[in-house]
Amino acid sequence: MTNFSNLPHEKLYAYQEARRLLLCVHEARIADAKLRDQALRAAKSICLNIAEGAGRTGIADKARVYAIARGETCEVVSALEIAVLIGDCVAEPARRGTIHAEAVYALLTGLIRRSG
């Protein structure tokens, strides 16, 4: 996966994993339109919040934005779990997505601790 810029968020492993998670959510092709929309919006929000946090200078502000991204990560995993549970998506990308989500969650936890 190539970088689009040299801005700070591109260098964060959390951002790189979040992009992989977003691709998995897209590839899972969740059939339920509302659940798919919610999962995609949350996955996009993770990427955007990580980028925003990387651009912030205040320590508390960084931690707040990274915490929002971490919460969105849980939401994405839940949507993928629901879709797999009811047979409403392509299971393999959904399962790969949960692996990327676990990495994103751990990396964000580290960024929050470092910021706080």
PDB file of N, CA and C in Angstrom:
ATOM      1  N   MET A   1       0.856  -1.175   0.000  1.00  0.00           N
ATOM      2  CA  MET A   1       0.000   0.000   0.000  1.00  0.00           C
ATOM      3  C   MET A   1       0.903   1.239   0.000  1.00  0.00           C
ATOM      4  N   THR A   2       0.673   2.104  -0.943  1.00  0.00           N
ATOM      5  CA  THR A   2       1.541   3.269  -1.068  1.00  0.00           C
ATOM      6  C   THR A   2       0.996   4.452  -0.284  1.00  0.00           C
ATOM      7  N   ASN A   3       1.910   5.335   0.098  1.00  0.00           N
ATOM      8  CA  ASN A   3       1.528   6.564   0.785  1.00  0.00           C
ATOM      9  C   ASN A   3       1.150   7.608  -0.256  1.00  0.00           C
ATOM     10  N   PHE A   4       0.228   8.475   0.119  1.00  0.00           N
ATOM     11  CA  PHE A   4      -0.218   9.533  -0.773  1.00  0.00           C
ATOM     12  C   PHE A   4       0.472  10.854  -0.468  1.00  0.00           C
ATOM     13  N   SER A   5       1.109  10.945   0.663  1.00  0.00           N
ATOM     14  CA  SER A   5       1.750  12.189   1.069  1.00  0.00           C
ATOM     15  C   SER A   5       2.892  11.875   2.020  1.00  0.00           C
ATOM     16  N   ASN A   6       3.558  12.910   2.457  1.00  0.00           N
ATOM     17  CA  ASN A   6       4.613  12.771   3.464  1.00  0.00           C
ATOM     18  C   ASN A   6       4.174  13.362   4.794  1.00  0.00           C
ATOM     19  N   LEU A   7       2.876  13.467   5.005  1.00  0.00           N
ATOM     20  CA  LEU A   7       2.359  14.022   6.250  1.00  0.00           C
ATOM     21  C   LEU A   7       2.532  13.008   7.382  1.00  0.00           C
ATOM     22  N   PRO A   8       2.488  13.474   8.637  1.00  0.00           N
ATOM     23  CA  PRO A   8       2.834  12.613   9.789  1.00  0.00           C
ATOM     24  C   PRO A   8       2.002  11.339   9.921  1.00  0.00           C
ATOM     25  N   HIS A   9       0.733  11.376   9.588  1.00  0.00           N
ATOM     26  CA  HIS A   9      -0.110  10.195   9.782  1.00  0.00           C
ATOM     27  C   HIS A   9       0.324   9.021   8.913  1.00  0.00           C
ATOM     28  N   GLU A  10       0.909   9.294   7.748  1.00  0.00           N
ATOM     29  CA  GLU A  10       1.341   8.230   6.842  1.00  0.00           C
ATOM     30  C   GLU A  10       2.405   7.332   7.472  1.00  0.00           C
ATOM     31  N   LYS A  11       3.154   7.881   8.428  1.00  0.00           N
ATOM     32  CA  LYS A  11       4.245   7.135   9.058  1.00  0.00           C
ATOM     33  C   LYS A  11       3.769   6.268  10.218  1.00  0.00           C
ATOM     34  N   LEU A  12       2.543   6.463  10.656  1.00  0.00           N
ATOM     35  CA  LEU A  12       2.019   5.718  11.800  1.00  0.00           C
ATOM     36  C   LEU A  12       1.544   4.328  11.377  1.00  0.00           C
ATOM     37  N   TYR A  13       2.033   3.298  12.067  1.00  0.00           N
ATOM     38  CA  TYR A  13       1.564   1.933  11.794  1.00  0.00           C
ATOM     39  C   TYR A  13       0.062   1.821  12.023  1.00  0.00           C
ATOM     40  N   ALA A  14      -0.450   2.557  12.989  1.00  0.00           N
ATOM     41  CA  ALA A  14      -1.890   2.523  13.262  1.00  0.00           C
ATOM     42  C   ALA A  14      -2.675   2.969  12.033  1.00  0.00           C
ATOM     43  N   TYR A  15      -2.193   3.982  11.355  1.00  0.00           N
ATOM     44  CA  TYR A  15      -2.882   4.473  10.150  1.00  0.00           C
ATOM     45  C   TYR A  15      -2.797   3.444   9.027  1.00  0.00           C
ATOM     46  N   GLN A  16      -1.637   2.840   8.867  1.00  0.00           N
ATOM     47  CA  GLN A  16      -1.466   1.825   7.824  1.00  0.00           C
ATOM     48  C   GLN A  16      -2.376   0.621   8.068  1.00  0.00           C
ATOM     49  N   GLU A  17      -2.474   0.191   9.322  1.00  0.00           N
ATOM     50  CA  GLU A  17      -3.374  -0.915   9.666  1.00  0.00           C
ATOM     51  C   GLU A  17      -4.836  -0.505   9.500  1.00  0.00           C
ATOM     52  N   ALA A  18      -5.156   0.727   9.828  1.00  0.00           N
ATOM     53  CA  ALA A  18      -6.529   1.216   9.675  1.00  0.00           C
ATOM     54  C   ALA A  18      -6.945   1.204   8.211  1.00  0.00           C
ATOM     55  N   ARG A  19      -6.026   1.539   7.324  1.00  0.00           N
ATOM     56  CA  ARG A  19      -6.336   1.477   5.890  1.00  0.00           C
ATOM     57  C   ARG A  19      -6.588   0.036   5.461  1.00  0.00           C
ATOM     58  N   ARG A  20      -5.806  -0.886   5.985  1.00  0.00           N
ATOM     59  CA  ARG A  20      -6.030  -2.307   5.665  1.00  0.00           C
ATOM     60  C   ARG A  20      -7.385  -2.766   6.187  1.00  0.00           C
ATOM     61  N   LEU A  21      -7.731  -2.304   7.381  1.00  0.00           N
ATOM     62  CA  LEU A  21      -9.042  -2.632   7.945  1.00  0.00           C
ATOM     63  C   LEU A  21     -10.161  -2.102   7.054  1.00  0.00           C
ATOM     64  N   LEU A  22     -10.039  -0.873   6.615  1.00  0.00           N
ATOM     65  CA  LEU A  22     -11.045  -0.286   5.725  1.00  0.00           C
ATOM     66  C   LEU A  22     -11.221  -1.123   4.460  1.00  0.00           C
ATOM     67  N   LEU A  23     -10.128  -1.558   3.878  1.00  0.00           N
ATOM     68  CA  LEU A  23     -10.217  -2.397   2.678  1.00  0.00           C
ATOM     69  C   LEU A  23     -10.935  -3.712   2.972  1.00  0.00           C
ATOM     70  N   CYS A  24     -10.655  -4.314   4.119  1.00  0.00           N
ATOM     71  CA  CYS A  24     -11.332  -5.567   4.489  1.00  0.00           C
ATOM     72  C   CYS A  24     -12.830  -5.359   4.658  1.00  0.00           C
ATOM     73  N   VAL A  25     -13.206  -4.252   5.282  1.00  0.00           N
ATOM     74  CA  VAL A  25     -14.639  -3.961   5.450  1.00  0.00           C
ATOM     75  C   VAL A  25     -15.295  -3.833   4.082  1.00  0.00           C
ATOM     76  N   HIS A  26     -14.638  -3.147   3.181  1.00  0.00           N
ATOM     77  CA  HIS A  26     -15.170  -2.984   1.826  1.00  0.00           C
ATOM     78  C   HIS A  26     -15.279  -4.336   1.117  1.00  0.00           C
ATOM     79  N   GLU A  27     -14.218  -5.148   1.223  1.00  0.00           N
ATOM     80  CA  GLU A  27     -14.190  -6.459   0.563  1.00  0.00           C
ATOM     81  C   GLU A  27     -15.178  -7.445   1.167  1.00  0.00           C
ATOM     82  N   ALA A  28     -15.567  -7.236   2.421  1.00  0.00           N
ATOM     83  CA  ALA A  28     -16.528  -8.139   3.067  1.00  0.00           C
ATOM     84  C   ALA A  28     -17.911  -8.037   2.434  1.00  0.00           C
ATOM     85  N   ARG A  29     -18.177  -6.937   1.762  1.00  0.00           N
ATOM     86  CA  ARG A  29     -19.454  -6.731   1.060  1.00  0.00           C
ATOM     87  C   ARG A  29     -20.658  -7.116   1.930  1.00  0.00           C
ATOM     88  N   ILE A  30     -20.780  -6.444   3.035  1.00  0.00           N
ATOM     89  CA  ILE A  30     -21.895  -6.686   3.941  1.00  0.00           C
ATOM     90  C   ILE A  30     -23.200  -6.418   3.190  1.00  0.00           C
ATOM     91  N   ALA A  31     -24.104  -7.389   3.208  1.00  0.00           N
ATOM     92  CA  ALA A  31     -25.326  -7.297   2.419  1.00  0.00           C
ATOM     93  C   ALA A  31     -26.327  -6.278   2.977  1.00  0.00           C
ATOM     94  N   ASP A  32     -26.468  -6.220   4.293  1.00  0.00           N
ATOM     95  CA  ASP A  32     -27.404  -5.285   4.914  1.00  0.00           C
ATOM     96  C   ASP A  32     -26.893  -3.862   4.711  1.00  0.00           C
ATOM     97  N   ALA A  33     -27.641  -3.060   3.980  1.00  0.00           N
ATOM     98  CA  ALA A  33     -27.184  -1.721   3.591  1.00  0.00           C
ATOM     99  C   ALA A  33     -26.881  -0.827   4.795  1.00  0.00           C
ATOM    100  N   LYS A  34     -27.723  -0.879   5.804  1.00  0.00           N
ATOM    101  CA  LYS A  34     -27.496  -0.030   6.984  1.00  0.00           C
ATOM    102  C   LYS A  34     -26.257  -0.463   7.755  1.00  0.00           C
ATOM    103  N   LEU A  35     -26.086  -1.764   7.936  1.00  0.00           N
ATOM    104  CA  LEU A  35     -24.916  -2.268   8.648  1.00  0.00           C
ATOM    105  C   LEU A  35     -23.646  -1.991   7.848  1.00  0.00           C
ATOM    106  N   ARG A  36     -23.711  -2.188   6.527  1.00  0.00           N
ATOM    107  CA  ARG A  36     -22.560  -1.911   5.665  1.00  0.00           C
ATOM    108  C   ARG A  36     -22.171  -0.436   5.753  1.00  0.00           C
ATOM    109  N   ASP A  37     -23.171   0.442   5.672  1.00  0.00           N
ATOM    110  CA  ASP A  37     -22.909   1.882   5.753  1.00  0.00           C
ATOM    111  C   ASP A  37     -22.266   2.252   7.084  1.00  0.00           C
ATOM    112  N   GLN A  38     -22.788   1.696   8.159  1.00  0.00           N
ATOM    113  CA  GLN A  38     -22.250   1.989   9.488  1.00  0.00           C
ATOM    114  C   GLN A  38     -20.817   1.483   9.619  1.00  0.00           C
ATOM    115  N   ALA A  39     -20.562   0.273   9.130  1.00  0.00           N
ATOM    116  CA  ALA A  39     -19.212  -0.300   9.214  1.00  0.00           C
ATOM    117  C   ALA A  39     -18.219   0.511   8.382  1.00  0.00           C
ATOM    118  N   LEU A  40     -18.618   0.887   7.180  1.00  0.00           N
ATOM    119  CA  LEU A  40     -17.728   1.672   6.327  1.00  0.00           C
ATOM    120  C   LEU A  40     -17.484   3.063   6.895  1.00  0.00           C
ATOM    121  N   ARG A  41     -18.526   3.694   7.418  1.00  0.00           N
ATOM    122  CA  ARG A  41     -18.354   5.030   8.015  1.00  0.00           C
ATOM    123  C   ARG A  41     -17.407   4.964   9.209  1.00  0.00           C
ATOM    124  N   ALA A  42     -17.570   3.934  10.040  1.00  0.00           N
ATOM    125  CA  ALA A  42     -16.699   3.790  11.209  1.00  0.00           C
ATOM    126  C   ALA A  42     -15.260   3.509  10.777  1.00  0.00           C
ATOM    127  N   ALA A  43     -15.071   2.658   9.775  1.00  0.00           N
ATOM    128  CA  ALA A  43     -13.722   2.337   9.300  1.00  0.00           C
ATOM    129  C   ALA A  43     -13.049   3.575   8.703  1.00  0.00           C
ATOM    130  N   LYS A  44     -13.803   4.366   7.973  1.00  0.00           N
ATOM    131  CA  LYS A  44     -13.263   5.613   7.427  1.00  0.00           C
ATOM    132  C   LYS A  44     -12.936   6.586   8.550  1.00  0.00           C
ATOM    133  N   SER A  45     -13.787   6.628   9.550  1.00  0.00           N
ATOM    134  CA  SER A  45     -13.583   7.517  10.687  1.00  0.00           C
ATOM    135  C   SER A  45     -12.301   7.172  11.444  1.00  0.00           C
ATOM    136  N   ILE A  46     -11.984   5.887  11.539  1.00  0.00           N
ATOM    137  CA  ILE A  46     -10.738   5.487  12.195  1.00  0.00           C
ATOM    138  C   ILE A  46      -9.556   6.126  11.472  1.00  0.00           C
ATOM    139  N   CYS A  47      -9.521   5.968  10.160  1.00  0.00           N
ATOM    140  CA  CYS A  47      -8.429   6.547   9.369  1.00  0.00           C
ATOM    141  C   CYS A  47      -8.363   8.056   9.545  1.00  0.00           C
ATOM    142  N   LEU A  48      -9.513   8.702   9.455  1.00  0.00           N
ATOM    143  CA  LEU A  48      -9.549  10.162   9.538  1.00  0.00           C
ATOM    144  C   LEU A  48      -9.148  10.668  10.918  1.00  0.00           C
ATOM    145  N   ASN A  49      -9.579   9.983  11.966  1.00  0.00           N
ATOM    146  CA  ASN A  49      -9.223  10.415  13.318  1.00  0.00           C
ATOM    147  C   ASN A  49      -7.744  10.190  13.617  1.00  0.00           C
ATOM    148  N   ILE A  50      -7.174   9.116  13.089  1.00  0.00           N
ATOM    149  CA  ILE A  50      -5.739   8.902  13.278  1.00  0.00           C
ATOM    150  C   ILE A  50      -4.967  10.017  12.575  1.00  0.00           C
ATOM    151  N   ALA A  51      -5.384  10.344  11.365  1.00  0.00           N
ATOM    152  CA  ALA A  51      -4.718  11.426  10.633  1.00  0.00           C
ATOM    153  C   ALA A  51      -4.860  12.751  11.373  1.00  0.00           C
ATOM    154  N   GLU A  52      -6.046  13.009  11.885  1.00  0.00           N
ATOM    155  CA  GLU A  52      -6.270  14.244  12.638  1.00  0.00           C
ATOM    156  C   GLU A  52      -5.394  14.284  13.891  1.00  0.00           C
ATOM    157  N   GLY A  53      -5.336  13.184  14.611  1.00  0.00           N
ATOM    158  CA  GLY A  53      -4.530  13.126  15.826  1.00  0.00           C
ATOM    159  C   GLY A  53      -3.056  13.357  15.540  1.00  0.00           C
ATOM    160  N   ALA A  54      -2.584  12.795  14.437  1.00  0.00           N
ATOM    161  CA  ALA A  54      -1.173  12.971  14.080  1.00  0.00           C
ATOM    162  C   ALA A  54      -0.855  14.428  13.778  1.00  0.00           C
ATOM    163  N   GLY A  55      -1.843  15.166  13.327  1.00  0.00           N
ATOM    164  CA  GLY A  55      -1.632  16.567  13.006  1.00  0.00           C
ATOM    165  C   GLY A  55      -1.822  17.523  14.170  1.00  0.00           C
ATOM    166  N   ARG A  56      -2.337  17.011  15.280  1.00  0.00           N
ATOM    167  CA  ARG A  56      -2.555  17.850  16.465  1.00  0.00           C
ATOM    168  C   ARG A  56      -1.260  18.036  17.241  1.00  0.00           C
ATOM    169  N   THR A  57      -1.154  19.164  17.930  1.00  0.00           N
ATOM    170  CA  THR A  57       0.053  19.418  18.718  1.00  0.00           C
ATOM    171  C   THR A  57      -0.182  19.253  20.213  1.00  0.00           C
ATOM    172  N   GLY A  58      -1.396  19.460  20.676  1.00  0.00           N
ATOM    173  CA  GLY A  58      -1.691  19.315  22.100  1.00  0.00           C
ATOM    174  C   GLY A  58      -1.780  17.862  22.496  1.00  0.00           C
ATOM    175  N   ILE A  59      -1.153  17.516  23.602  1.00  0.00           N
ATOM    176  CA  ILE A  59      -1.115  16.123  24.068  1.00  0.00           C
ATOM    177  C   ILE A  59      -2.513  15.593  24.369  1.00  0.00           C
ATOM    178  N   ALA A  60      -3.295  16.346  25.113  1.00  0.00           N
ATOM    179  CA  ALA A  60      -4.647  15.903  25.461  1.00  0.00           C
ATOM    180  C   ALA A  60      -5.533  15.809  24.227  1.00  0.00           C
ATOM    181  N   ASP A  61      -5.336  16.728  23.294  1.00  0.00           N
ATOM    182  CA  ASP A  61      -6.117  16.729  22.059  1.00  0.00           C
ATOM    183  C   ASP A  61      -5.812  15.491  21.216  1.00  0.00           C
ATOM    184  N   LYS A  62      -4.526  15.132  21.133  1.00  0.00           N
ATOM    185  CA  LYS A  62      -4.130  13.917  20.422  1.00  0.00           C
ATOM    186  C   LYS A  62      -4.796  12.690  21.048  1.00  0.00           C
ATOM    187  N   ALA A  63      -4.695  12.593  22.368  1.00  0.00           N
ATOM    188  CA  ALA A  63      -5.251  11.434  23.073  1.00  0.00           C
ATOM    189  C   ALA A  63      -6.755  11.328  22.859  1.00  0.00           C
ATOM    190  N   ARG A  64      -7.450  12.458  22.874  1.00  0.00           N
ATOM    191  CA  ARG A  64      -8.906  12.458  22.683  1.00  0.00           C
ATOM    192  C   ARG A  64      -9.281  11.917  21.309  1.00  0.00           C
ATOM    193  N   VAL A  65      -8.593  12.380  20.270  1.00  0.00           N
ATOM    194  CA  VAL A  65      -8.916  11.952  18.910  1.00  0.00           C
ATOM    195  C   VAL A  65      -8.551  10.481  18.698  1.00  0.00           C
ATOM    196  N   TYR A  66      -7.417  10.057  19.255  1.00  0.00           N
ATOM    197  CA  TYR A  66      -7.045   8.646  19.153  1.00  0.00           C
ATOM    198  C   TYR A  66      -8.036   7.755  19.903  1.00  0.00           C
ATOM    199  N   ALA A  67      -8.562   8.231  21.015  1.00  0.00           N
ATOM    200  CA  ALA A  67      -9.563   7.457  21.765  1.00  0.00           C
ATOM    201  C   ALA A  67     -10.843   7.300  20.958  1.00  0.00           C
ATOM    202  N   ILE A  68     -11.225   8.329  20.232  1.00  0.00           N
ATOM    203  CA  ILE A  68     -12.405   8.229  19.355  1.00  0.00           C
ATOM    204  C   ILE A  68     -12.159   7.154  18.299  1.00  0.00           C
ATOM    205  N   ALA A  69     -10.976   7.166  17.700  1.00  0.00           N
ATOM    206  CA  ALA A  69     -10.643   6.161  16.688  1.00  0.00           C
ATOM    207  C   ALA A  69     -10.677   4.751  17.276  1.00  0.00           C
ATOM    208  N   ARG A  70     -10.221   4.628  18.519  1.00  0.00           N
ATOM    209  CA  ARG A  70     -10.236   3.306  19.169  1.00  0.00           C
ATOM    210  C   ARG A  70     -11.662   2.820  19.380  1.00  0.00           C
ATOM    211  N   GLY A  71     -12.551   3.718  19.770  1.00  0.00           N
ATOM    212  CA  GLY A  71     -13.959   3.341  19.917  1.00  0.00           C
ATOM    213  C   GLY A  71     -14.576   2.931  18.591  1.00  0.00           C
ATOM    214  N   GLU A  72     -14.236   3.633  17.532  1.00  0.00           N
ATOM    215  CA  GLU A  72     -14.736   3.287  16.198  1.00  0.00           C
ATOM    216  C   GLU A  72     -14.225   1.911  15.768  1.00  0.00           C
ATOM    217  N   THR A  73     -13.026   1.553  16.220  1.00  0.00           N
ATOM    218  CA  THR A  73     -12.464   0.243  15.896  1.00  0.00           C
ATOM    219  C   THR A  73     -13.335  -0.867  16.476  1.00  0.00           C
ATOM    220  N   CYS A  74     -13.781  -0.680  17.699  1.00  0.00           N
ATOM    221  CA  CYS A  74     -14.686  -1.666  18.314  1.00  0.00           C
ATOM    222  C   CYS A  74     -15.995  -1.756  17.539  1.00  0.00           C
ATOM    223  N   GLU A  75     -16.483  -0.622  17.078  1.00  0.00           N
ATOM    224  CA  GLU A  75     -17.733  -0.610  16.312  1.00  0.00           C
ATOM    225  C   GLU A  75     -17.581  -1.393  15.006  1.00  0.00           C
ATOM    226  N   VAL A  76     -16.460  -1.215  14.320  1.00  0.00           N
ATOM    227  CA  VAL A  76     -16.226  -1.940  13.066  1.00  0.00           C
ATOM    228  C   VAL A  76     -16.186  -3.439  13.314  1.00  0.00           C
ATOM    229  N   VAL A  77     -15.456  -3.852  14.343  1.00  0.00           N
ATOM    230  CA  VAL A  77     -15.368  -5.281  14.650  1.00  0.00           C
ATOM    231  C   VAL A  77     -16.745  -5.849  14.953  1.00  0.00           C
ATOM    232  N   SER A  78     -17.525  -5.129  15.704  1.00  0.00           N
ATOM    233  CA  SER A  78     -18.867  -5.592  16.025  1.00  0.00           C
ATOM    234  C   SER A  78     -19.713  -5.763  14.758  1.00  0.00           C
ATOM    235  N   ALA A  79     -19.627  -4.809  13.854  1.00  0.00           N
ATOM    236  CA  ALA A  79     -20.384  -4.908  12.599  1.00  0.00           C
ATOM    237  C   ALA A  79     -19.938  -6.116  11.783  1.00  0.00           C
ATOM    238  N   LEU A  80     -18.634  -6.340  11.724  1.00  0.00           N
ATOM    239  CA  LEU A  80     -18.129  -7.513  10.996  1.00  0.00           C
ATOM    240  C   LEU A  80     -18.572  -8.806  11.668  1.00  0.00           C
ATOM    241  N   GLU A  81     -18.508  -8.855  12.991  1.00  0.00           N
ATOM    242  CA  GLU A  81     -18.940 -10.053  13.723  1.00  0.00           C
ATOM    243  C   GLU A  81     -20.411 -10.349  13.470  1.00  0.00           C
ATOM    244  N   ILE A  82     -21.236  -9.312  13.509  1.00  0.00           N
ATOM    245  CA  ILE A  82     -22.671  -9.482  13.266  1.00  0.00           C
ATOM    246  C   ILE A  82     -22.909 -10.017  11.861  1.00  0.00           C
ATOM    247  N   ALA A  83     -22.227  -9.412  10.884  1.00  0.00           N
ATOM    248  CA  ALA A  83     -22.416  -9.833   9.492  1.00  0.00           C
ATOM    249  C   ALA A  83     -21.988 -11.286   9.277  1.00  0.00           C
ATOM    250  N   VAL A  84     -20.876 -11.691   9.884  1.00  0.00           N
ATOM    251  CA  VAL A  84     -20.423 -13.079   9.756  1.00  0.00           C
ATOM    252  C   VAL A  84     -21.400 -14.010  10.468  1.00  0.00           C
ATOM    253  N   LEU A  85     -21.816 -13.623  11.642  1.00  0.00           N
ATOM    254  CA  LEU A  85     -22.712 -14.455  12.453  1.00  0.00           C
ATOM    255  C   LEU A  85     -24.000 -14.798  11.710  1.00  0.00           C
ATOM    256  N   ILE A  86     -24.551 -13.845  11.000  1.00  0.00           N
ATOM    257  CA  ILE A  86     -25.822 -14.091  10.312  1.00  0.00           C
ATOM    258  C   ILE A  86     -25.638 -14.438   8.829  1.00  0.00           C
ATOM    259  N   GLY A  87     -24.377 -14.666   8.415  1.00  0.00           N
ATOM    260  CA  GLY A  87     -24.110 -15.055   7.035  1.00  0.00           C
ATOM    261  C   GLY A  87     -24.419 -13.959   6.041  1.00  0.00           C
ATOM    262  N   ASP A  88     -24.131 -12.736   6.420  1.00  0.00           N
ATOM    263  CA  ASP A  88     -24.540 -11.569   5.643  1.00  0.00           C
ATOM    264  C   ASP A  88     -23.369 -10.894   4.924  1.00  0.00           C
ATOM    265  N   CYS A  89     -22.232 -11.619   4.802  1.00  0.00           N
ATOM    266  CA  CYS A  89     -21.073 -11.010   4.153  1.00  0.00           C
ATOM    267  C   CYS A  89     -20.121 -12.096   3.675  1.00  0.00           C
ATOM    268  N   VAL A  90     -19.062 -11.666   3.020  1.00  0.00           N
ATOM    269  CA  VAL A  90     -17.974 -12.564   2.649  1.00  0.00           C
ATOM    270  C   VAL A  90     -17.114 -12.725   3.898  1.00  0.00           C
ATOM    271  N   ALA A  91     -17.066 -13.930   4.413  1.00  0.00           N
ATOM    272  CA  ALA A  91     -16.483 -14.164   5.740  1.00  0.00           C
ATOM    273  C   ALA A  91     -14.969 -13.946   5.808  1.00  0.00           C
ATOM    274  N   GLU A  92     -14.220 -14.353   4.800  1.00  0.00           N
ATOM    275  CA  GLU A  92     -12.758 -14.277   4.894  1.00  0.00           C
ATOM    276  C   GLU A  92     -12.246 -12.845   5.062  1.00  0.00           C
ATOM    277  N   PRO A  93     -12.656 -11.882   4.230  1.00  0.00           N
ATOM    278  CA  PRO A  93     -12.182 -10.514   4.474  1.00  0.00           C
ATOM    279  C   PRO A  93     -12.677  -9.960   5.809  1.00  0.00           C
ATOM    280  N   ALA A  94     -13.848 -10.379   6.238  1.00  0.00           N
ATOM    281  CA  ALA A  94     -14.359  -9.923   7.537  1.00  0.00           C
ATOM    282  C   ALA A  94     -13.460 -10.435   8.658  1.00  0.00           C
ATOM    283  N   ARG A  95     -13.048 -11.669   8.571  1.00  0.00           N
ATOM    284  CA  ARG A  95     -12.156 -12.236   9.595  1.00  0.00           C
ATOM    285  C   ARG A  95     -10.774 -11.579   9.557  1.00  0.00           C
ATOM    286  N   ARG A  96     -10.266 -11.317   8.354  1.00  0.00           N
ATOM    287  CA  ARG A  96      -8.991 -10.602   8.234  1.00  0.00           C
ATOM    288  C   ARG A  96      -9.123  -9.203   8.834  1.00  0.00           C
ATOM    289  N   GLY A  97     -10.289  -8.605   8.642  1.00  0.00           N
ATOM    290  CA  GLY A  97     -10.532  -7.272   9.188  1.00  0.00           C
ATOM    291  C   GLY A  97     -10.415  -7.250  10.696  1.00  0.00           C
ATOM    292  N   THR A  98     -10.893  -8.294  11.351  1.00  0.00           N
ATOM    293  CA  THR A  98     -10.804  -8.317  12.812  1.00  0.00           C
ATOM    294  C   THR A  98      -9.344  -8.409  13.271  1.00  0.00           C
ATOM    295  N   ILE A  99      -8.506  -9.077  12.492  1.00  0.00           N
ATOM    296  CA  ILE A  99      -7.077  -9.151  12.832  1.00  0.00           C
ATOM    297  C   ILE A  99      -6.447  -7.761  12.726  1.00  0.00           C
ATOM    298  N   HIS A 100      -6.763  -7.050  11.643  1.00  0.00           N
ATOM    299  CA  HIS A 100      -6.245  -5.683  11.489  1.00  0.00           C
ATOM    300  C   HIS A 100      -6.809  -4.773  12.583  1.00  0.00           C
ATOM    301  N   ALA A 101      -8.061  -4.993  12.939  1.00  0.00           N
ATOM    302  CA  ALA A 101      -8.678  -4.168  13.982  1.00  0.00           C
ATOM    303  C   ALA A 101      -7.978  -4.365  15.323  1.00  0.00           C
ATOM    304  N   GLU A 102      -7.612  -5.598  15.636  1.00  0.00           N
ATOM    305  CA  GLU A 102      -6.889  -5.849  16.885  1.00  0.00           C
ATOM    306  C   GLU A 102      -5.556  -5.099  16.898  1.00  0.00           C
ATOM    307  N   ALA A 103      -4.885  -5.072  15.757  1.00  0.00           N
ATOM    308  CA  ALA A 103      -3.621  -4.337  15.663  1.00  0.00           C
ATOM    309  C   ALA A 103      -3.868  -2.838  15.817  1.00  0.00           C
ATOM    310  N   VAL A 104      -4.892  -2.326  15.151  1.00  0.00           N
ATOM    311  CA  VAL A 104      -5.230  -0.902  15.251  1.00  0.00           C
ATOM    312  C   VAL A 104      -5.519  -0.543  16.700  1.00  0.00           C
ATOM    313  N   TYR A 105      -6.329  -1.359  17.368  1.00  0.00           N
ATOM    314  CA  TYR A 105      -6.697  -1.094  18.761  1.00  0.00           C
ATOM    315  C   TYR A 105      -5.451  -1.015  19.647  1.00  0.00           C
ATOM    316  N   ALA A 106      -4.556  -1.988  19.502  1.00  0.00           N
ATOM    317  CA  ALA A 106      -3.335  -2.010  20.308  1.00  0.00           C
ATOM    318  C   ALA A 106      -2.443  -0.818  20.011  1.00  0.00           C
ATOM    319  N   LEU A 107      -2.287  -0.499  18.755  1.00  0.00           N
ATOM    320  CA  LEU A 107      -1.455   0.644  18.369  1.00  0.00           C
ATOM    321  C   LEU A 107      -2.041   1.963  18.870  1.00  0.00           C
ATOM    322  N   LEU A 108      -3.349   2.097  18.785  1.00  0.00           N
ATOM    323  CA  LEU A 108      -4.010   3.307  19.287  1.00  0.00           C
ATOM    324  C   LEU A 108      -3.867   3.410  20.802  1.00  0.00           C
ATOM    325  N   THR A 109      -3.957   2.286  21.485  1.00  0.00           N
ATOM    326  CA  THR A 109      -3.762   2.292  22.939  1.00  0.00           C
ATOM    327  C   THR A 109      -2.379   2.838  23.272  1.00  0.00           C
ATOM    328  N   GLY A 110      -1.385   2.413  22.530  1.00  0.00           N
ATOM    329  CA  GLY A 110      -0.033   2.921  22.727  1.00  0.00           C
ATOM    330  C   GLY A 110       0.073   4.420  22.446  1.00  0.00           C
ATOM    331  N   LEU A 111      -0.580   4.865  21.367  1.00  0.00           N
ATOM    332  CA  LEU A 111      -0.563   6.297  21.042  1.00  0.00           C
ATOM    333  C   LEU A 111      -1.270   7.127  22.118  1.00  0.00           C
ATOM    334  N   ILE A 112      -2.345   6.578  22.654  1.00  0.00           N
ATOM    335  CA  ILE A 112      -3.082   7.291  23.729  1.00  0.00           C
ATOM    336  C   ILE A 112      -2.196   7.403  24.967  1.00  0.00           C
ATOM    337  N   ARG A 113      -1.553   6.311  25.333  1.00  0.00           N
ATOM    338  CA  ARG A 113      -0.674   6.337  26.521  1.00  0.00           C
ATOM    339  C   ARG A 113       0.485   7.292  26.331  1.00  0.00           C
ATOM    340  N   ARG A 114       1.032   7.307  25.136  1.00  0.00           N
ATOM    341  CA  ARG A 114       2.154   8.194  24.838  1.00  0.00           C
ATOM    342  C   ARG A 114       1.724   9.664  24.836  1.00  0.00           C
ATOM    343  N   SER A 115       0.454   9.889  24.464  1.00  0.00           N
ATOM    344  CA  SER A 115      -0.070  11.250  24.400  1.00  0.00           C
ATOM    345  C   SER A 115      -0.532  11.747  25.767  1.00  0.00           C
ATOM    346  N   GLY A 116      -0.863  10.834  26.643  1.00  0.00           N
ATOM    347  CA  GLY A 116      -1.464  11.206  27.914  1.00  0.00           C
ATOM    348  C   GLY A 116      -0.540  11.266  29.025  1.00  0.00           C
TER     349      GLY A 116
END
